[in-house]
Amino acid sequence: MGKFVGRNLELALMDKTLIPPDKATRSRRVVLHGLGGIGKTQIAVEYANSRRKNFSAVFWISAKSEEVLKHMLAAFAERIPLQDVLDSSGQIIKSNDGLERAYTAVKEWLDLPDNHRWLIVFDNVDKHQPSGSGRDDTKIFDIRHHIPGQGNVIITTRSADLRRLGEDIEIENMSEEESLQILCNASGVHADEEGESHHLPALQHIHFVHI
């Protein structure tokens, strides 16, 4: 995996919400929204990895569908672990309602008093639709039903409609300098002490977007 480059402003803005001086706030949410492929997931990955020590646990959830989301959230019952929904081998009990019980148990654990120092990332929340909207699409779901009532939450989405769910950070194209650094890293070209590449004239013909 290549070295993460740039996005220092976005990471700092996330810190202000998720790692504030005031520790009294029990519920903190950041919404990273922007075009597909702009780098939302990469920013969330970098944040979770580089700030891991600030949280009691880090959970990553793919929210590309409600079914995948619930399966992944339920699976954390084995990691925590929550013995009431696990068999003797530490796996979720296989029964008609085993998965649902595990999902409910994890949600309840996330809302336990004094258990709000964890971080959970809901990645690719692009199928959200508020309940009661009248839209008849089985792939659409209301992400609000799955977000715990406390703790630290990052949502990545293409939908600007989710901005109201937390501190909104719009992810835009990277700066020319950041894009140039990625190209230098990928091509093996080294920048000089002033941070400029000797191949800059050729590279400047490229339209700088996130890659």
N, C-alpha and C. Protein backbone atom coordinates (compact mmCIF):
# COMPACT_ATOMS: atom_id res chain seq x y z
N MET A 1 0.85 -1.19 0.00
CA MET A 1 0.00 0.00 0.00
C MET A 1 0.88 1.24 0.00
N GLY A 2 0.55 2.22 -0.87
CA GLY A 2 1.35 3.42 -0.95
C GLY A 2 1.20 4.28 0.27
N LYS A 3 2.19 5.16 0.45
CA LYS A 3 2.17 6.07 1.59
C LYS A 3 1.07 7.11 1.42
N PHE A 4 0.32 7.36 2.49
CA PHE A 4 -0.75 8.35 2.45
C PHE A 4 -0.13 9.74 2.34
N VAL A 5 -0.69 10.56 1.45
CA VAL A 5 -0.14 11.89 1.19
C VAL A 5 -1.22 12.95 1.39
N GLY A 6 -0.85 14.04 2.06
CA GLY A 6 -1.72 15.21 2.13
C GLY A 6 -2.95 15.03 2.99
N ARG A 7 -3.96 15.82 2.68
CA ARG A 7 -5.24 15.84 3.39
C ARG A 7 -5.08 16.25 4.85
N ASN A 8 -4.04 17.03 5.15
CA ASN A 8 -3.80 17.44 6.53
C ASN A 8 -4.92 18.31 7.08
N LEU A 9 -5.49 19.16 6.23
CA LEU A 9 -6.58 20.02 6.68
C LEU A 9 -7.79 19.19 7.08
N GLU A 10 -8.16 18.22 6.25
CA GLU A 10 -9.31 17.38 6.54
C GLU A 10 -9.10 16.57 7.82
N LEU A 11 -7.89 16.03 8.00
CA LEU A 11 -7.59 15.25 9.20
C LEU A 11 -7.65 16.12 10.45
N ALA A 12 -7.19 17.36 10.33
CA ALA A 12 -7.23 18.29 11.47
C ALA A 12 -8.67 18.65 11.83
N LEU A 13 -9.50 18.84 10.81
CA LEU A 13 -10.92 19.14 11.07
C LEU A 13 -11.60 17.96 11.75
N MET A 14 -11.24 16.75 11.37
CA MET A 14 -11.80 15.57 12.01
C MET A 14 -11.37 15.49 13.47
N ASP A 15 -10.12 15.85 13.74
CA ASP A 15 -9.63 15.86 15.12
C ASP A 15 -10.45 16.79 16.00
N LYS A 16 -10.82 17.95 15.47
CA LYS A 16 -11.56 18.93 16.26
C LYS A 16 -12.88 18.37 16.76
N THR A 17 -13.49 17.49 15.96
CA THR A 17 -14.76 16.90 16.37
C THR A 17 -14.58 15.62 17.16
N LEU A 18 -13.70 14.74 16.71
CA LEU A 18 -13.59 13.41 17.29
C LEU A 18 -12.61 13.34 18.46
N ILE A 19 -11.66 14.27 18.54
CA ILE A 19 -10.71 14.29 19.67
C ILE A 19 -10.66 15.70 20.23
N PRO A 20 -11.79 16.21 20.74
CA PRO A 20 -11.83 17.58 21.26
C PRO A 20 -11.26 17.66 22.67
N PRO A 21 -10.85 18.86 23.09
CA PRO A 21 -10.37 19.03 24.47
C PRO A 21 -11.45 18.67 25.49
N ASP A 22 -12.71 18.97 25.14
CA ASP A 22 -13.83 18.69 26.05
C ASP A 22 -14.23 17.22 25.91
N LYS A 23 -13.94 16.44 26.90
CA LYS A 23 -14.22 15.01 26.86
C LYS A 23 -15.65 14.68 27.32
N ALA A 24 -16.41 15.70 27.69
CA ALA A 24 -17.75 15.45 28.23
C ALA A 24 -18.74 15.00 27.16
N THR A 25 -18.51 15.43 25.92
CA THR A 25 -19.43 15.07 24.85
C THR A 25 -19.36 13.58 24.58
N ARG A 26 -20.50 12.91 24.61
CA ARG A 26 -20.53 11.45 24.46
C ARG A 26 -20.81 11.02 23.03
N SER A 27 -21.29 11.92 22.19
CA SER A 27 -21.62 11.56 20.81
C SER A 27 -20.97 12.55 19.85
N ARG A 28 -20.09 12.02 18.99
CA ARG A 28 -19.37 12.87 18.04
C ARG A 28 -19.45 12.21 16.66
N ARG A 29 -19.83 12.97 15.65
CA ARG A 29 -19.97 12.40 14.32
C ARG A 29 -19.34 13.31 13.27
N VAL A 30 -18.67 12.70 12.31
CA VAL A 30 -18.10 13.41 11.17
C VAL A 30 -18.65 12.77 9.90
N VAL A 31 -19.09 13.60 8.96
CA VAL A 31 -19.57 13.12 7.67
C VAL A 31 -18.62 13.60 6.58
N LEU A 32 -17.94 12.65 5.94
CA LEU A 32 -17.07 12.98 4.81
C LEU A 32 -17.88 12.76 3.54
N HIS A 33 -18.18 13.82 2.82
CA HIS A 33 -18.97 13.64 1.61
C HIS A 33 -18.26 14.27 0.40
N GLY A 34 -18.50 13.68 -0.76
CA GLY A 34 -17.86 14.16 -1.98
C GLY A 34 -18.09 13.16 -3.10
N LEU A 35 -17.57 13.48 -4.26
CA LEU A 35 -17.75 12.63 -5.43
C LEU A 35 -17.12 11.25 -5.23
N GLY A 36 -17.60 10.27 -5.96
CA GLY A 36 -17.01 8.94 -5.91
C GLY A 36 -15.57 8.97 -6.40
N GLY A 37 -14.68 8.29 -5.69
CA GLY A 37 -13.28 8.23 -6.08
C GLY A 37 -12.45 9.43 -5.66
N ILE A 38 -13.04 10.34 -4.88
CA ILE A 38 -12.33 11.56 -4.50
C ILE A 38 -11.37 11.33 -3.33
N GLY A 39 -11.54 10.22 -2.59
CA GLY A 39 -10.61 9.91 -1.51
C GLY A 39 -11.22 9.84 -0.13
N LYS A 40 -12.53 9.76 -0.03
CA LYS A 40 -13.20 9.73 1.29
C LYS A 40 -12.77 8.52 2.11
N THR A 41 -12.81 7.34 1.49
CA THR A 41 -12.46 6.12 2.22
C THR A 41 -11.00 6.14 2.65
N GLN A 42 -10.11 6.61 1.76
CA GLN A 42 -8.69 6.66 2.11
C GLN A 42 -8.44 7.58 3.29
N ILE A 43 -9.17 8.68 3.36
CA ILE A 43 -9.02 9.60 4.49
C ILE A 43 -9.49 8.92 5.78
N ALA A 44 -10.62 8.22 5.70
CA ALA A 44 -11.15 7.53 6.88
C ALA A 44 -10.18 6.44 7.34
N VAL A 45 -9.58 5.71 6.40
CA VAL A 45 -8.60 4.67 6.74
C VAL A 45 -7.39 5.28 7.43
N GLU A 46 -6.88 6.36 6.87
CA GLU A 46 -5.72 7.03 7.45
C GLU A 46 -6.04 7.54 8.85
N TYR A 47 -7.21 8.10 9.01
CA TYR A 47 -7.59 8.63 10.32
C TYR A 47 -7.68 7.50 11.34
N ALA A 48 -8.36 6.42 10.98
CA ALA A 48 -8.52 5.30 11.91
C ALA A 48 -7.17 4.70 12.30
N ASN A 49 -6.26 4.60 11.34
CA ASN A 49 -4.95 4.01 11.62
C ASN A 49 -4.06 4.93 12.44
N SER A 50 -4.02 6.21 12.06
CA SER A 50 -3.10 7.14 12.71
C SER A 50 -3.59 7.61 14.08
N ARG A 51 -4.88 7.53 14.32
CA ARG A 51 -5.42 7.98 15.61
C ARG A 51 -5.91 6.82 16.47
N ARG A 52 -5.56 5.62 16.13
CA ARG A 52 -6.07 4.45 16.83
C ARG A 52 -5.88 4.52 18.34
N LYS A 53 -4.76 5.06 18.78
CA LYS A 53 -4.46 5.10 20.21
C LYS A 53 -5.41 6.01 21.01
N ASN A 54 -6.14 6.85 20.29
CA ASN A 54 -7.08 7.76 20.96
C ASN A 54 -8.43 7.11 21.27
N PHE A 55 -8.63 5.89 20.79
CA PHE A 55 -9.92 5.22 20.95
C PHE A 55 -9.74 3.85 21.60
N SER A 56 -10.77 3.42 22.30
CA SER A 56 -10.71 2.12 22.98
C SER A 56 -10.79 0.97 21.98
N ALA A 57 -11.44 1.21 20.85
CA ALA A 57 -11.56 0.20 19.79
C ALA A 57 -11.94 0.92 18.50
N VAL A 58 -11.61 0.30 17.38
CA VAL A 58 -11.97 0.86 16.07
C VAL A 58 -12.72 -0.21 15.28
N PHE A 59 -13.90 0.13 14.79
CA PHE A 59 -14.72 -0.79 14.01
C PHE A 59 -14.94 -0.22 12.61
N TRP A 60 -14.82 -1.08 11.61
CA TRP A 60 -15.02 -0.64 10.22
C TRP A 60 -16.22 -1.39 9.64
N ILE A 61 -17.20 -0.63 9.13
CA ILE A 61 -18.42 -1.22 8.58
C ILE A 61 -18.60 -0.79 7.13
N SER A 62 -18.74 -1.75 6.22
CA SER A 62 -19.12 -1.42 4.85
C SER A 62 -20.63 -1.22 4.83
N ALA A 63 -21.08 -0.06 4.39
CA ALA A 63 -22.51 0.25 4.37
C ALA A 63 -23.04 0.29 2.94
N LYS A 64 -22.46 -0.52 2.07
CA LYS A 64 -22.92 -0.53 0.68
C LYS A 64 -24.32 -1.11 0.55
N SER A 65 -24.74 -1.88 1.57
CA SER A 65 -26.12 -2.35 1.65
C SER A 65 -26.45 -2.59 3.11
N GLU A 66 -27.74 -2.61 3.44
CA GLU A 66 -28.14 -2.82 4.83
C GLU A 66 -27.79 -4.23 5.28
N GLU A 67 -27.89 -5.20 4.39
CA GLU A 67 -27.56 -6.58 4.74
C GLU A 67 -26.10 -6.72 5.12
N VAL A 68 -25.21 -6.14 4.31
CA VAL A 68 -23.77 -6.20 4.60
C VAL A 68 -23.48 -5.48 5.92
N LEU A 69 -24.08 -4.32 6.10
CA LEU A 69 -23.87 -3.55 7.33
C LEU A 69 -24.23 -4.37 8.56
N LYS A 70 -25.40 -5.00 8.55
CA LYS A 70 -25.85 -5.75 9.72
C LYS A 70 -24.98 -6.98 9.96
N HIS A 71 -24.54 -7.65 8.89
CA HIS A 71 -23.65 -8.80 9.05
C HIS A 71 -22.33 -8.38 9.70
N MET A 72 -21.77 -7.26 9.22
CA MET A 72 -20.48 -6.83 9.75
C MET A 72 -20.60 -6.36 11.19
N LEU A 73 -21.67 -5.64 11.50
CA LEU A 73 -21.86 -5.18 12.87
C LEU A 73 -22.08 -6.37 13.81
N ALA A 74 -22.87 -7.34 13.38
CA ALA A 74 -23.12 -8.53 14.19
C ALA A 74 -21.83 -9.30 14.45
N ALA A 75 -20.94 -9.33 13.45
CA ALA A 75 -19.70 -10.10 13.58
C ALA A 75 -18.81 -9.58 14.69
N PHE A 76 -18.99 -8.32 15.09
CA PHE A 76 -18.18 -7.78 16.17
C PHE A 76 -18.52 -8.40 17.52
N ALA A 77 -19.62 -9.15 17.58
CA ALA A 77 -19.96 -9.87 18.82
C ALA A 77 -18.85 -10.86 19.16
N GLU A 78 -18.18 -11.41 18.13
CA GLU A 78 -17.09 -12.36 18.36
C GLU A 78 -15.83 -11.65 18.82
N ARG A 79 -15.65 -10.44 18.37
CA ARG A 79 -14.44 -9.69 18.70
C ARG A 79 -14.51 -9.08 20.10
N ILE A 80 -15.72 -8.71 20.57
CA ILE A 80 -15.81 -7.94 21.82
C ILE A 80 -15.36 -8.71 23.07
N PRO A 81 -15.73 -9.97 23.36
CA PRO A 81 -16.80 -10.79 22.80
C PRO A 81 -18.05 -10.70 23.68
N LEU A 82 -19.20 -11.06 23.09
CA LEU A 82 -20.47 -11.05 23.79
C LEU A 82 -20.95 -12.49 23.93
N GLN A 83 -20.67 -13.09 25.06
CA GLN A 83 -20.84 -14.53 25.25
C GLN A 83 -22.28 -15.01 25.06
N ASP A 84 -23.26 -14.16 25.37
CA ASP A 84 -24.66 -14.59 25.30
C ASP A 84 -25.10 -14.98 23.89
N VAL A 85 -24.41 -14.47 22.86
CA VAL A 85 -24.82 -14.78 21.49
C VAL A 85 -23.77 -15.63 20.76
N LEU A 86 -22.81 -16.18 21.54
CA LEU A 86 -21.76 -16.99 20.95
C LEU A 86 -21.86 -18.43 21.41
N ASP A 87 -21.39 -19.35 20.56
CA ASP A 87 -21.37 -20.76 20.96
C ASP A 87 -20.07 -21.06 21.69
N SER A 88 -19.83 -22.31 22.01
CA SER A 88 -18.65 -22.69 22.81
C SER A 88 -17.33 -22.41 22.10
N SER A 89 -17.38 -22.28 20.76
CA SER A 89 -16.16 -22.00 20.01
C SER A 89 -15.94 -20.51 19.78
N GLY A 90 -16.82 -19.69 20.37
CA GLY A 90 -16.66 -18.24 20.25
C GLY A 90 -17.24 -17.66 18.98
N GLN A 91 -18.07 -18.42 18.28
CA GLN A 91 -18.69 -17.93 17.05
C GLN A 91 -20.17 -17.67 17.29
N ILE A 92 -20.75 -16.81 16.44
CA ILE A 92 -22.16 -16.49 16.56
C ILE A 92 -23.00 -17.76 16.45
N ILE A 93 -23.94 -17.93 17.37
CA ILE A 93 -24.79 -19.12 17.37
C ILE A 93 -25.57 -19.20 16.06
N LYS A 94 -25.49 -20.36 15.44
CA LYS A 94 -26.19 -20.55 14.16
C LYS A 94 -27.63 -20.96 14.44
N SER A 95 -28.52 -20.03 14.21
CA SER A 95 -29.96 -20.27 14.40
C SER A 95 -30.71 -19.29 13.52
N ASN A 96 -32.01 -19.44 13.44
CA ASN A 96 -32.80 -18.56 12.59
C ASN A 96 -32.64 -17.09 12.97
N ASP A 97 -32.50 -16.83 14.27
CA ASP A 97 -32.38 -15.45 14.72
C ASP A 97 -31.00 -15.14 15.30
N GLY A 98 -30.03 -16.02 15.05
CA GLY A 98 -28.70 -15.83 15.61
C GLY A 98 -28.03 -14.54 15.18
N LEU A 99 -28.11 -14.24 13.90
CA LEU A 99 -27.48 -13.02 13.38
C LEU A 99 -28.16 -11.77 13.94
N GLU A 100 -29.48 -11.80 13.98
CA GLU A 100 -30.23 -10.65 14.49
C GLU A 100 -29.94 -10.42 15.97
N ARG A 101 -29.85 -11.51 16.72
CA ARG A 101 -29.54 -11.39 18.15
C ARG A 101 -28.14 -10.80 18.35
N ALA A 102 -27.19 -11.24 17.54
CA ALA A 102 -25.83 -10.73 17.65
C ALA A 102 -25.78 -9.25 17.29
N TYR A 103 -26.50 -8.87 16.23
CA TYR A 103 -26.56 -7.46 15.82
C TYR A 103 -27.13 -6.60 16.96
N THR A 104 -28.22 -7.06 17.55
CA THR A 104 -28.85 -6.31 18.65
C THR A 104 -27.93 -6.22 19.85
N ALA A 105 -27.22 -7.30 20.15
CA ALA A 105 -26.31 -7.32 21.29
C ALA A 105 -25.16 -6.33 21.10
N VAL A 106 -24.64 -6.25 19.89
CA VAL A 106 -23.55 -5.31 19.62
C VAL A 106 -24.06 -3.88 19.75
N LYS A 107 -25.25 -3.60 19.19
CA LYS A 107 -25.81 -2.25 19.30
C LYS A 107 -25.99 -1.88 20.77
N GLU A 108 -26.47 -2.81 21.58
CA GLU A 108 -26.67 -2.53 23.00
C GLU A 108 -25.33 -2.29 23.70
N TRP A 109 -24.31 -3.06 23.33
CA TRP A 109 -22.98 -2.89 23.92
C TRP A 109 -22.42 -1.52 23.59
N LEU A 110 -22.61 -1.06 22.35
CA LEU A 110 -22.12 0.24 21.93
C LEU A 110 -22.78 1.39 22.70
N ASP A 111 -23.97 1.12 23.24
CA ASP A 111 -24.71 2.16 23.97
C ASP A 111 -24.61 2.01 25.49
N LEU A 112 -23.75 1.12 25.96
CA LEU A 112 -23.59 0.96 27.41
C LEU A 112 -23.03 2.24 28.03
N PRO A 113 -23.47 2.59 29.24
CA PRO A 113 -22.93 3.77 29.92
C PRO A 113 -21.41 3.67 30.06
N ASP A 114 -20.74 4.79 29.89
CA ASP A 114 -19.28 4.87 30.02
C ASP A 114 -18.55 4.03 28.98
N ASN A 115 -19.23 3.67 27.91
CA ASN A 115 -18.58 2.93 26.82
C ASN A 115 -18.74 3.75 25.54
N HIS A 116 -18.02 4.87 25.46
CA HIS A 116 -18.21 5.76 24.32
C HIS A 116 -16.88 6.26 23.74
N ARG A 117 -15.80 5.54 24.04
CA ARG A 117 -14.49 5.97 23.55
C ARG A 117 -14.09 5.25 22.26
N TRP A 118 -14.96 4.41 21.73
CA TRP A 118 -14.65 3.68 20.50
C TRP A 118 -14.90 4.57 19.28
N LEU A 119 -14.38 4.11 18.14
CA LEU A 119 -14.60 4.78 16.85
C LEU A 119 -15.19 3.76 15.88
N ILE A 120 -16.25 4.14 15.18
CA ILE A 120 -16.84 3.27 14.18
C ILE A 120 -16.96 4.04 12.87
N VAL A 121 -16.56 3.39 11.78
CA VAL A 121 -16.62 4.00 10.45
C VAL A 121 -17.70 3.29 9.63
N PHE A 122 -18.67 4.05 9.15
CA PHE A 122 -19.66 3.53 8.20
C PHE A 122 -19.24 4.01 6.82
N ASP A 123 -18.67 3.11 6.04
CA ASP A 123 -18.08 3.48 4.76
C ASP A 123 -19.05 3.26 3.60
N ASN A 124 -19.07 4.21 2.67
CA ASN A 124 -19.92 4.13 1.47
C ASN A 124 -21.41 4.08 1.80
N VAL A 125 -21.87 5.04 2.57
CA VAL A 125 -23.29 5.13 2.88
C VAL A 125 -23.98 5.87 1.72
N ASP A 126 -24.21 5.16 0.64
CA ASP A 126 -24.76 5.78 -0.56
C ASP A 126 -26.17 5.31 -0.88
N LYS A 127 -26.75 4.46 -0.02
CA LYS A 127 -28.10 3.95 -0.24
C LYS A 127 -29.06 4.45 0.83
N HIS A 128 -28.70 5.57 1.46
CA HIS A 128 -29.54 6.10 2.55
C HIS A 128 -30.79 6.77 2.02
N GLN A 129 -31.89 6.53 2.69
CA GLN A 129 -33.15 7.23 2.42
C GLN A 129 -33.92 7.28 3.73
N PRO A 130 -34.31 8.46 4.20
CA PRO A 130 -35.05 8.55 5.47
C PRO A 130 -36.30 7.67 5.46
N SER A 131 -36.60 7.06 6.58
CA SER A 131 -37.81 6.25 6.70
C SER A 131 -39.03 7.11 6.42
N GLY A 132 -40.02 6.50 5.74
CA GLY A 132 -41.25 7.23 5.45
C GLY A 132 -41.17 8.12 4.24
N SER A 133 -40.06 8.00 3.47
CA SER A 133 -39.90 8.85 2.28
C SER A 133 -40.79 8.40 1.14
N GLY A 134 -41.29 7.15 1.22
CA GLY A 134 -42.19 6.64 0.19
C GLY A 134 -41.49 6.03 -1.00
N ARG A 135 -40.19 6.01 -1.00
CA ARG A 135 -39.45 5.45 -2.12
C ARG A 135 -39.45 3.93 -2.03
N ASP A 136 -39.89 3.26 -3.07
CA ASP A 136 -40.01 1.81 -3.07
C ASP A 136 -38.77 1.19 -3.71
N ASP A 137 -37.76 0.97 -2.89
CA ASP A 137 -36.50 0.39 -3.37
C ASP A 137 -35.91 -0.43 -2.23
N THR A 138 -35.80 -1.73 -2.43
CA THR A 138 -35.34 -2.62 -1.35
C THR A 138 -33.88 -2.38 -0.99
N LYS A 139 -33.13 -1.72 -1.87
CA LYS A 139 -31.71 -1.47 -1.59
C LYS A 139 -31.52 -0.21 -0.73
N ILE A 140 -32.57 0.59 -0.61
CA ILE A 140 -32.49 1.82 0.17
C ILE A 140 -32.76 1.52 1.64
N PHE A 141 -32.02 2.16 2.54
CA PHE A 141 -32.27 1.98 3.98
C PHE A 141 -31.92 3.27 4.70
N ASP A 142 -32.38 3.37 5.92
CA ASP A 142 -32.15 4.55 6.75
C ASP A 142 -30.97 4.29 7.67
N ILE A 143 -29.83 4.90 7.38
CA ILE A 143 -28.61 4.66 8.15
C ILE A 143 -28.78 5.07 9.61
N ARG A 144 -29.70 5.99 9.88
CA ARG A 144 -29.88 6.48 11.26
C ARG A 144 -30.30 5.36 12.20
N HIS A 145 -30.95 4.31 11.67
CA HIS A 145 -31.38 3.19 12.52
C HIS A 145 -30.20 2.38 13.04
N HIS A 146 -29.03 2.55 12.42
CA HIS A 146 -27.87 1.72 12.77
C HIS A 146 -26.76 2.49 13.48
N ILE A 147 -26.90 3.79 13.57
CA ILE A 147 -25.87 4.60 14.23
C ILE A 147 -26.12 4.60 15.74
N PRO A 148 -25.13 4.22 16.55
CA PRO A 148 -25.31 4.23 18.00
C PRO A 148 -25.61 5.64 18.52
N GLY A 149 -26.18 5.70 19.69
CA GLY A 149 -26.55 6.98 20.28
C GLY A 149 -25.40 7.71 20.94
N GLN A 150 -24.22 7.10 20.98
CA GLN A 150 -23.06 7.72 21.58
C GLN A 150 -21.81 7.27 20.82
N GLY A 151 -20.65 7.71 21.28
CA GLY A 151 -19.42 7.27 20.66
C GLY A 151 -18.97 8.17 19.52
N ASN A 152 -17.95 7.72 18.81
CA ASN A 152 -17.33 8.49 17.73
C ASN A 152 -17.62 7.80 16.40
N VAL A 153 -18.20 8.54 15.48
CA VAL A 153 -18.67 7.95 14.22
C VAL A 153 -18.15 8.75 13.03
N ILE A 154 -17.65 8.03 12.03
CA ILE A 154 -17.28 8.62 10.75
C ILE A 154 -18.17 8.00 9.69
N ILE A 155 -18.78 8.84 8.86
CA ILE A 155 -19.60 8.39 7.74
C ILE A 155 -18.96 8.88 6.45
N THR A 156 -18.75 7.99 5.48
CA THR A 156 -18.31 8.43 4.16
C THR A 156 -19.46 8.22 3.19
N THR A 157 -19.70 9.21 2.35
CA THR A 157 -20.87 9.15 1.48
C THR A 157 -20.72 10.07 0.27
N ARG A 158 -21.42 9.75 -0.79
CA ARG A 158 -21.51 10.65 -1.94
C ARG A 158 -22.68 11.62 -1.77
N SER A 159 -23.54 11.36 -0.80
CA SER A 159 -24.77 12.12 -0.63
C SER A 159 -24.59 13.32 0.29
N ALA A 160 -24.84 14.50 -0.26
CA ALA A 160 -24.79 15.71 0.56
C ALA A 160 -25.94 15.76 1.55
N ASP A 161 -26.97 14.93 1.34
CA ASP A 161 -28.13 14.92 2.23
C ASP A 161 -27.77 14.45 3.64
N LEU A 162 -26.66 13.73 3.78
CA LEU A 162 -26.28 13.19 5.08
C LEU A 162 -25.47 14.19 5.93
N ARG A 163 -25.25 15.36 5.39
CA ARG A 163 -24.44 16.35 6.12
C ARG A 163 -25.02 16.68 7.48
N ARG A 164 -26.33 16.62 7.60
CA ARG A 164 -26.99 17.00 8.86
C ARG A 164 -26.74 15.98 9.98
N LEU A 165 -26.19 14.82 9.65
CA LEU A 165 -25.99 13.79 10.67
C LEU A 165 -24.74 14.01 11.51
N GLY A 166 -23.90 14.96 11.13
CA GLY A 166 -22.69 15.20 11.91
C GLY A 166 -21.94 16.42 11.39
N GLU A 167 -20.72 16.59 11.85
CA GLU A 167 -19.88 17.67 11.37
C GLU A 167 -19.52 17.40 9.90
N ASP A 168 -19.95 18.30 9.04
CA ASP A 168 -19.82 18.07 7.61
C ASP A 168 -18.45 18.51 7.10
N ILE A 169 -17.75 17.60 6.40
CA ILE A 169 -16.47 17.92 5.77
C ILE A 169 -16.57 17.49 4.31
N GLU A 170 -16.63 18.47 3.42
CA GLU A 170 -16.71 18.15 2.00
C GLU A 170 -15.32 17.85 1.47
N ILE A 171 -15.17 16.70 0.81
CA ILE A 171 -13.89 16.30 0.27
C ILE A 171 -13.82 16.71 -1.20
N GLU A 172 -12.85 17.53 -1.51
CA GLU A 172 -12.69 18.03 -2.86
C GLU A 172 -11.41 17.49 -3.48
N ASN A 173 -11.14 17.90 -4.74
CA ASN A 173 -9.91 17.46 -5.40
C ASN A 173 -8.69 17.85 -4.57
N MET A 174 -7.66 17.03 -4.63
CA MET A 174 -6.43 17.34 -3.92
C MET A 174 -5.75 18.55 -4.56
N SER A 175 -4.90 19.21 -3.78
CA SER A 175 -4.14 20.34 -4.32
C SER A 175 -3.12 19.83 -5.32
N GLU A 176 -2.60 20.74 -6.13
CA GLU A 176 -1.58 20.35 -7.13
C GLU A 176 -0.35 19.76 -6.45
N GLU A 177 0.03 20.33 -5.31
CA GLU A 177 1.22 19.85 -4.61
C GLU A 177 1.02 18.42 -4.11
N GLU A 178 -0.18 18.15 -3.54
CA GLU A 178 -0.46 16.80 -3.04
C GLU A 178 -0.52 15.79 -4.18
N SER A 179 -1.15 16.17 -5.28
CA SER A 179 -1.24 15.27 -6.43
C SER A 179 0.13 15.01 -7.01
N LEU A 180 0.96 16.04 -7.06
CA LEU A 180 2.32 15.89 -7.57
C LEU A 180 3.12 14.92 -6.71
N GLN A 181 2.93 15.00 -5.38
CA GLN A 181 3.65 14.10 -4.49
C GLN A 181 3.24 12.65 -4.72
N ILE A 182 1.93 12.42 -4.96
CA ILE A 182 1.47 11.07 -5.25
C ILE A 182 2.10 10.55 -6.54
N LEU A 183 2.14 11.39 -7.56
CA LEU A 183 2.73 10.99 -8.84
C LEU A 183 4.22 10.70 -8.68
N CYS A 184 4.91 11.51 -7.90
CA CYS A 184 6.33 11.27 -7.65
C CYS A 184 6.54 9.94 -6.94
N ASN A 185 5.69 9.66 -5.93
CA ASN A 185 5.83 8.40 -5.20
C ASN A 185 5.57 7.21 -6.11
N ALA A 186 4.53 7.32 -6.96
CA ALA A 186 4.16 6.21 -7.82
C ALA A 186 5.19 5.96 -8.92
N SER A 187 5.83 7.03 -9.40
CA SER A 187 6.75 6.90 -10.53
C SER A 187 8.20 6.74 -10.10
N GLY A 188 8.47 6.94 -8.81
CA GLY A 188 9.84 6.83 -8.35
C GLY A 188 10.64 8.10 -8.56
N VAL A 189 9.97 9.16 -8.99
CA VAL A 189 10.63 10.45 -9.19
C VAL A 189 10.74 11.14 -7.84
N HIS A 190 11.92 11.69 -7.53
CA HIS A 190 12.13 12.33 -6.24
C HIS A 190 12.13 13.84 -6.38
N ALA A 191 11.47 14.50 -5.41
CA ALA A 191 11.48 15.96 -5.39
C ALA A 191 12.75 16.46 -4.75
N ASP A 192 13.18 17.68 -5.10
CA ASP A 192 14.37 18.26 -4.50
C ASP A 192 14.03 18.84 -3.13
N GLU A 193 14.99 19.51 -2.51
CA GLU A 193 14.79 20.01 -1.14
C GLU A 193 13.67 21.03 -1.05
N GLU A 194 13.37 21.71 -2.16
CA GLU A 194 12.28 22.67 -2.15
C GLU A 194 10.95 22.01 -2.45
N GLY A 195 10.97 20.65 -2.60
CA GLY A 195 9.74 19.93 -2.83
C GLY A 195 9.31 19.92 -4.28
N GLU A 196 10.19 20.32 -5.20
CA GLU A 196 9.84 20.35 -6.61
C GLU A 196 10.55 19.24 -7.37
N SER A 197 9.84 18.63 -8.28
CA SER A 197 10.41 17.58 -9.10
C SER A 197 11.05 18.17 -10.34
N HIS A 198 12.16 17.56 -10.79
CA HIS A 198 12.80 18.01 -12.02
C HIS A 198 11.94 17.69 -13.23
N HIS A 199 10.92 16.84 -13.03
CA HIS A 199 10.01 16.49 -14.11
C HIS A 199 8.74 17.31 -14.05
N LEU A 200 8.73 18.38 -13.23
CA LEU A 200 7.53 19.17 -13.02
C LEU A 200 6.92 19.70 -14.31
N PRO A 201 7.73 20.22 -15.28
CA PRO A 201 7.10 20.73 -16.51
C PRO A 201 6.22 19.70 -17.21
N ALA A 202 6.66 18.44 -17.22
CA ALA A 202 5.86 17.40 -17.88
C ALA A 202 4.66 17.03 -17.04
N LEU A 203 4.85 16.95 -15.73
CA LEU A 203 3.75 16.54 -14.85
C LEU A 203 2.66 17.60 -14.77
N GLN A 204 3.02 18.87 -15.01
CA GLN A 204 2.03 19.93 -14.89
C GLN A 204 0.99 19.90 -16.01
N HIS A 205 1.24 19.09 -17.03
CA HIS A 205 0.26 18.96 -18.10
C HIS A 205 -0.89 18.04 -17.68
N ILE A 206 -0.74 17.37 -16.54
CA ILE A 206 -1.76 16.46 -16.05
C ILE A 206 -2.77 17.25 -15.25
N HIS A 207 -4.06 16.92 -15.44
CA HIS A 207 -5.13 17.55 -14.65
C HIS A 207 -5.11 16.90 -13.27
N PHE A 208 -4.87 17.67 -12.22
CA PHE A 208 -4.67 17.10 -10.90
C PHE A 208 -6.00 16.81 -10.20
N VAL A 209 -6.32 15.53 -10.09
CA VAL A 209 -7.45 15.05 -9.31
C VAL A 209 -6.94 13.91 -8.47
N HIS A 210 -7.73 13.47 -7.51
CA HIS A 210 -7.34 12.35 -6.67
C HIS A 210 -7.24 11.07 -7.50
N ILE A 211 -6.16 10.29 -7.29
CA ILE A 211 -5.99 9.02 -7.99
C ILE A 211 -5.80 7.91 -6.98
